[in-house]
Amino acid sequence: MIDRGEAIRKVILNGVRWTGLSRLYRALTPRGGAILMLHRVTRSPTSPLGINRHLAIDPDFLDRAIASMKCDGYAFLSMDEIVEYLRGGRGGSPVATLTADDGYRDNMREALPVLESHDAPITVYVAPGLINGSVCLWWNVIEEIIARRDGFYISVKGGAEHVDCSTIAAKRLAYANLEHHLTTQVGELDQDAIVRQLAAASQFDADGPARDLLMNWNELRVFSRHRLVTIGAHTVHHYNLRRLPDDLAAREITDAADIIALELGERPAHMAFPYGYEAAVGGREVKLAAQAGFVTATTTRHGLLSNEHCNDLLALPRISLNGRYQSTGHLMTMLSGITTPIANRGKRYVTV
């Protein structure tokens, strides 16, 4: 099945590159910094229906991406150094930093050797609730359930609704509908229980994906001591903060820093907002991150850094390196800046 949105975005990326528009845009626009966003880096991705394939890139692509950027003059800095760069208002050579969300084990096993070869730092954002199993990796769990079943029932207002999973097309639609149900129609605190009930009915271990894919605390302790690694926070339970009341949203942010400090011996200065899009993070969440003492916070808004971001360190945009666009050509087009206004209703400066 063709993802029309993905196909359209690739047409745009190829079009602005092949016509030379990206080169012209870059020549007319000062180059700033970039925060690259990763999730998984592995040669063995697990996405039985291909739905979550965007979460994984191949280590060879990461190697090519970093090498291409270095050849283009980019210097790779740590997140702490990016802050210094922005506050110093420095121009000249463009800079970049790597970030990865959730704390996947392959960040240590497969990404780190690539980073070492390039001396490229990375900040990995972890959610303690995912690490200790308080909540499951629900997006992986429901894909696995749908892949295994021909159909099942979910509870909705007024009764139960049958979910058809009898064909590949039906499975993809089922995932989209179930994702919408879990992220908009039930409360954030109810989401995990619903997924676990579905997993139990399907005789699937809901804790399996997190246990198999994420680092545990012992691994994170070792990983965090590497000279290229910074551990950041990703809230406690990876909830959509904008769907939570003030007090709970504040605790999600503050408690994550407290737990990471207790487990790893150092309080994180940097955080990433879960999901990171407009419906998940806004001005309130930025204020809560400031109150919790974080120095930076990243979103998933598509955009580049500029010196102006020294005043918006808690609402920083990123460029996604994901499994759908494993092309250095696509990456360099995005780094030209031309896709930023396309993705942000004409805005070149991206915050929340």
Foldseek 3Di string as FASTA:
>chain_A
DDDVVLVVVVCVLVVCVVVVVLVVLLVVDAFEEFEEEAAAEDPDDDQLLCPPQFRYDYLVLVLVLVVVLVVVQEDADAPVVVLVCLVVQDGDGYYYAYEYEAAWPNCVVPNVVSCVVVVHAYEYAHAQCLQVVVFFPLLRLLSVLLVQDQWDWAADPPGIDIQGSNDSVSSVVSSVVVVCCLQPVDAQVCNRVRSVVSCVVSVHDRSVVSVVTHDHLVVVLVVCPDPRYHYHHAFHNLTLLLRDDLVVSLCRQQVRQVVCCVSNVDGHQEYEYRQQDPSRDDDSSLVSNVVSRHPAYEGQQQAGDHSVCSVVRHFHYHHYDTSSDSDSSSVVSSSSQPCNCVRVVHDHDDGD
